[in-house]
Protein backbone atom coordinates (compact mmCIF):
# COMPACT_ATOMS: atom_id res chain seq x y z
CA MET A 1 -20.51 7.93 -15.35
CA GLN A 2 -20.47 5.06 -17.84
CA ASP A 3 -23.62 4.68 -19.93
CA PRO A 4 -25.15 1.27 -19.05
CA ARG A 5 -25.75 0.70 -22.76
CA ASP A 6 -21.99 0.79 -23.31
CA TRP A 7 -21.53 -1.93 -20.70
CA MET A 8 -24.20 -4.08 -22.33
CA LYS A 9 -22.61 -3.62 -25.74
CA ALA A 10 -19.20 -4.56 -24.33
CA LEU A 11 -20.61 -7.67 -22.66
CA GLU A 12 -22.31 -8.75 -25.88
CA GLN A 13 -18.96 -8.53 -27.69
CA THR A 14 -16.94 -10.19 -24.93
CA TRP A 15 -16.24 -13.90 -24.69
CA VAL A 16 -13.68 -16.28 -23.32
CA VAL A 17 -11.77 -18.09 -26.05
CA ARG A 18 -9.77 -20.33 -23.73
CA TYR A 19 -10.49 -21.07 -20.07
CA PRO A 20 -7.89 -22.07 -17.47
CA LYS A 21 -7.63 -25.80 -16.94
CA GLN A 22 -8.31 -25.69 -13.20
CA SER A 23 -10.68 -24.05 -10.72
CA LEU A 24 -9.92 -21.57 -7.96
CA SER A 25 -8.01 -23.08 -5.06
CA THR A 26 -10.03 -23.41 -1.86
CA PHE A 27 -7.11 -23.25 0.55
CA GLY A 28 -4.69 -20.91 -1.17
CA ALA A 29 -4.31 -18.11 -3.72
CA THR A 30 -4.68 -18.81 -7.45
CA ASN A 31 -2.63 -16.82 -9.95
CA PHE A 32 -4.05 -16.65 -13.50
CA GLY A 33 -2.29 -15.22 -16.50
CA TYR A 34 -4.61 -13.39 -18.90
CA HIS A 35 -4.54 -12.29 -22.55
CA VAL A 36 -7.29 -9.87 -23.59
CA VAL A 37 -7.44 -9.23 -27.35
CA THR A 38 -9.41 -6.27 -28.74
CA GLU A 39 -9.87 -4.42 -31.99
CA PRO A 40 -8.15 -1.01 -31.62
CA VAL A 41 -10.41 2.03 -31.39
CA TYR A 42 -8.61 3.70 -34.31
CA THR A 43 -9.56 0.95 -36.81
CA GLU A 44 -12.34 3.03 -38.37
CA LEU A 45 -9.83 5.78 -39.12
CA THR A 46 -7.54 3.58 -41.19
CA SER A 47 -7.87 1.35 -44.23
CA GLY A 48 -4.83 -0.83 -43.58
CA GLU A 49 -4.51 -4.47 -42.53
CA PRO A 50 -6.47 -5.57 -39.44
CA GLU A 51 -4.75 -5.35 -36.08
CA GLY A 52 -5.41 -6.48 -32.57
CA VAL A 53 -4.42 -5.03 -29.21
CA VAL A 54 -3.16 -7.75 -26.85
CA ARG A 55 -3.15 -6.87 -23.15
CA THR A 56 -1.48 -9.29 -20.80
CA GLY A 57 -1.21 -9.51 -17.04
CA ARG A 58 -2.20 -11.61 -14.06
CA VAL A 59 -5.26 -11.90 -11.88
CA VAL A 60 -4.52 -13.07 -8.36
CA ALA A 61 -7.50 -14.72 -6.67
CA GLN A 62 -6.99 -14.74 -2.94
CA ARG A 63 -8.02 -17.70 -0.81
CA PRO A 64 -11.83 -17.63 -0.53
CA ALA A 65 -12.97 -16.19 2.79
CA ILE A 66 -15.88 -17.43 4.88
CA VAL A 67 -18.50 -14.74 5.42
CA THR A 68 -22.07 -14.50 6.69
CA PRO A 69 -24.84 -12.02 5.82
CA TYR A 70 -24.28 -10.34 9.20
CA TYR A 71 -20.54 -10.04 8.50
CA ALA A 72 -21.11 -8.58 5.04
CA LEU A 73 -23.57 -6.01 6.40
CA ASN A 74 -20.69 -4.55 8.41
CA LEU A 75 -18.45 -4.12 5.38
CA GLU A 76 -18.30 -0.85 3.45
CA GLY A 77 -18.71 -0.23 -0.25
CA PHE A 78 -21.90 -2.11 -1.09
CA SER A 79 -24.78 -0.41 -2.87
CA SER A 80 -28.09 0.11 -1.05
CA GLU A 81 -29.58 -2.67 -3.22
CA ALA A 82 -26.79 -5.01 -2.11
CA TYR A 83 -27.48 -4.24 1.55
CA GLU A 84 -31.16 -4.97 0.99
CA TYR A 85 -30.23 -8.32 -0.51
CA LEU A 86 -27.88 -9.14 2.37
CA THR A 87 -30.65 -8.28 4.82
CA HIS A 88 -32.95 -10.61 2.90
CA LEU A 89 -30.37 -13.41 3.16
CA ALA A 90 -29.99 -12.82 6.88
CA GLU A 91 -33.76 -12.98 7.37
CA THR A 92 -34.16 -16.04 5.16
CA TYR A 93 -31.19 -18.20 6.15
CA GLY A 94 -30.13 -16.65 9.45
CA PRO A 95 -27.59 -13.89 10.10
CA ASN A 96 -24.74 -16.37 10.54
CA SER A 97 -25.47 -18.71 7.64
CA PRO A 98 -22.03 -19.17 6.08
CA GLY A 99 -21.05 -18.37 2.52
CA ILE A 100 -17.80 -17.55 0.76
CA MET A 101 -16.37 -14.35 -0.65
CA TYR A 102 -13.68 -14.00 -3.30
CA GLN A 103 -11.18 -11.17 -3.66
CA TYR A 104 -9.13 -10.45 -6.77
CA ARG A 105 -6.19 -8.27 -7.70
CA ASN A 106 -5.42 -7.28 -11.29
CA GLU A 107 -1.73 -6.94 -12.18
CA PRO A 108 -1.47 -5.70 -15.79
CA SER A 109 1.88 -6.05 -17.54
CA ASN A 110 2.12 -5.43 -21.31
CA THR A 111 0.11 -4.00 -24.20
CA ASP A 112 1.14 -5.02 -27.73
CA ILE A 113 -0.20 -4.33 -31.23
CA VAL A 114 -0.35 -7.51 -33.35
CA GLY A 115 -1.29 -7.84 -37.01
CA GLY A 116 -4.39 -9.89 -37.80
CA ASP A 117 -8.04 -10.33 -36.87
CA PRO A 118 -8.53 -10.15 -33.06
CA THR A 119 -10.47 -13.42 -32.91
CA GLU A 120 -7.81 -15.26 -34.89
CA ILE A 121 -5.07 -13.72 -32.74
CA ALA A 122 -6.86 -14.94 -29.61
CA LYS A 123 -7.21 -18.47 -31.02
CA LYS A 124 -3.50 -18.60 -31.88
CA ILE A 125 -2.58 -17.48 -28.37
CA GLY A 126 -4.88 -20.15 -26.94
CA ASP A 127 -3.33 -22.85 -29.14
CA ASP A 128 0.15 -21.80 -28.05
CA LEU A 129 -0.85 -21.96 -24.37
CA ASP A 130 -2.28 -25.44 -24.92
CA LYS A 131 0.96 -26.62 -26.51
CA ARG A 132 2.92 -25.29 -23.54
CA SER A 133 0.40 -26.78 -21.06
CA GLU A 134 -0.18 -23.41 -19.43
CA ASN A 135 -3.07 -24.51 -17.22
CA LEU A 136 -3.43 -21.22 -15.36
CA ALA A 137 -4.03 -18.87 -18.28
CA VAL A 138 -7.14 -17.42 -19.92
CA VAL A 139 -7.61 -15.84 -23.35
CA MET A 140 -10.47 -13.41 -24.04
CA VAL A 141 -11.79 -11.16 -26.78
CA GLY A 142 -13.27 -7.84 -25.70
CA VAL A 143 -13.96 -4.21 -26.59
CA ASP A 144 -10.96 -1.89 -26.61
CA GLU A 145 -12.37 1.00 -24.53
CA LEU A 146 -13.80 -1.41 -21.96
CA TRP A 147 -11.29 -4.24 -22.19
CA ASP A 148 -11.43 -4.86 -18.46
CA VAL A 149 -15.08 -5.86 -18.87
CA ALA A 150 -13.70 -9.03 -20.44
CA LEU A 151 -11.61 -9.55 -17.33
CA LEU A 152 -14.63 -9.01 -15.07
CA LYS A 153 -16.63 -11.48 -17.14
CA PHE A 154 -13.92 -14.09 -16.68
CA MET A 155 -13.68 -13.44 -12.94
CA TYR A 156 -17.43 -13.88 -12.55
CA GLU A 157 -17.49 -17.09 -14.57
CA ILE A 158 -14.48 -18.70 -12.85
CA THR A 159 -15.92 -17.78 -9.45
CA SER A 160 -19.29 -19.28 -10.35
CA SER A 161 -17.73 -22.49 -11.66
CA SER A 162 -15.47 -22.87 -8.61
CA ALA A 163 -17.93 -21.98 -5.85
CA GLY A 164 -19.57 -25.40 -5.55
CA GLN A 165 -16.25 -27.21 -5.21
CA ASN A 166 -14.91 -24.61 -2.76
CA VAL A 167 -17.97 -24.85 -0.52
CA ASP A 168 -17.85 -28.66 -0.58
CA GLU A 169 -14.17 -28.62 0.43
CA PHE A 170 -14.78 -26.11 3.21
CA ARG A 171 -17.67 -28.23 4.45
CA SER A 172 -15.68 -31.49 4.28
CA GLU A 173 -13.02 -29.90 6.50
CA GLY A 174 -15.69 -28.74 8.97
CA LEU A 175 -14.81 -25.10 8.32
CA LEU A 176 -18.44 -24.05 7.86
CA ASP A 177 -19.54 -25.70 11.12
CA PRO A 178 -20.34 -23.34 14.03
CA SER A 179 -17.77 -23.20 16.83
CA PRO A 180 -19.58 -23.09 20.21
CA GLY A 181 -16.37 -22.01 21.90
CA ALA A 182 -16.09 -18.99 19.59
CA GLY A 183 -19.53 -17.47 19.87
CA GLY A 184 -20.98 -19.77 17.23
CA LEU A 185 -18.74 -18.47 14.43
CA PRO A 186 -17.97 -20.70 11.45
CA ALA A 187 -14.81 -22.66 12.25
CA ALA A 188 -12.82 -20.91 9.51
CA ALA A 189 -13.68 -17.49 10.94
CA ALA A 190 -12.72 -18.65 14.43
CA GLN A 191 -9.37 -19.86 13.09
CA ARG A 192 -8.71 -16.50 11.44
CA ILE A 193 -9.51 -14.66 14.67
CA GLU A 194 -7.15 -16.94 16.59
CA GLN A 195 -4.38 -16.09 14.14
CA LEU A 196 -5.14 -12.38 14.50
CA PHE A 197 -4.87 -12.74 18.27
CA VAL A 198 -1.46 -14.40 17.85
CA ASP A 199 -0.35 -11.50 15.64
CA ALA A 200 -1.71 -8.94 18.14
CA GLU A 201 0.13 -10.63 21.02
CA ARG A 202 3.31 -10.13 19.00
CA GLY A 203 2.50 -6.44 18.63
CA ARG A 204 1.10 -6.56 15.09
CA GLY A 205 -2.37 -5.95 13.72
CA VAL A 206 -4.40 -4.98 16.81
CA ASP A 207 -6.60 -2.75 14.64
CA ALA A 208 -7.20 -5.60 12.20
CA LEU A 209 -8.23 -7.86 15.09
CA LYS A 210 -10.66 -5.28 16.47
CA ARG A 211 -12.15 -4.72 13.03
CA GLU A 212 -12.61 -8.46 12.49
CA LEU A 213 -14.29 -8.91 15.88
CA ASP A 214 -16.64 -6.00 15.17
CA GLN A 215 -17.54 -7.25 11.71
CA TRP A 216 -18.44 -10.65 13.09
CA GLY A 217 -20.34 -9.06 15.95
CA VAL A 218 -18.40 -11.03 18.57
CA PHE A 219 -16.38 -8.31 20.28
CA GLU A 220 -18.23 -8.80 23.58
CA PHE A 221 -17.50 -12.54 23.44
CA TYR A 222 -13.76 -11.84 23.08
CA GLN A 223 -13.70 -8.57 25.02
CA ASP A 224 -11.77 -9.74 28.10
CA ARG A 225 -9.16 -11.47 25.98
CA PHE A 226 -8.83 -8.44 23.72
CA LEU A 227 -8.43 -6.00 26.63
CA SER A 228 -5.85 -8.28 28.23
CA LEU A 229 -3.57 -7.47 25.29
CA PHE A 230 -3.28 -3.93 26.63
CA ARG A 231 -3.08 -4.89 30.28
CA GLY A 232 -0.13 -7.08 29.42
CA ARG A 233 1.65 -4.12 27.80
CA ARG A 234 1.32 -1.95 30.91
CA THR A 235 2.92 -4.48 33.23
């Protein structure tokens, strides 16, 4: 288990040198290139010229999903403290008060050793990206053993800066409004369930549909329609 003091030290020595020039997309995936520059762990063992380790890759931010405290309580993988917080949200704002959830995928590509001070290397990379108008790229400086902490820091900050715009755009499209014809679900959730039904009628993703209905707590509302999928197969 990682010592929390190591995480704190890594966070203190982690910063974003160059941010992407746009926020997360509300209605589609966003694909960011990243460059994380660190001082190699072997530096103390040598007396040569400074070097930096440059790790590159991509972070794919999926389209933000509409969730509610009730929905999240049915997901797995949260800590007990997180479940307590979700319960608090449900009690405070209502179990179906809508919010948004972001999902990311890290796709690392290359690791290179470059001569020079890590901070200066990062600045040069940032300048080059600016010249090439690479709007979807981030440059960070981090700690070698915990370089992905820099990536997590960026993900948190880009999510925080994008959330307000994403919520406003969802709201302007009416996607956070409850759908009376779908058990009171947020419109975006109702749309997703409709698409899952279409997939299930074509013989794909029945399990995913059932899981989604259970997580939203609306299986009984859709029960007849769901069971008709199987009755249709027997005839």
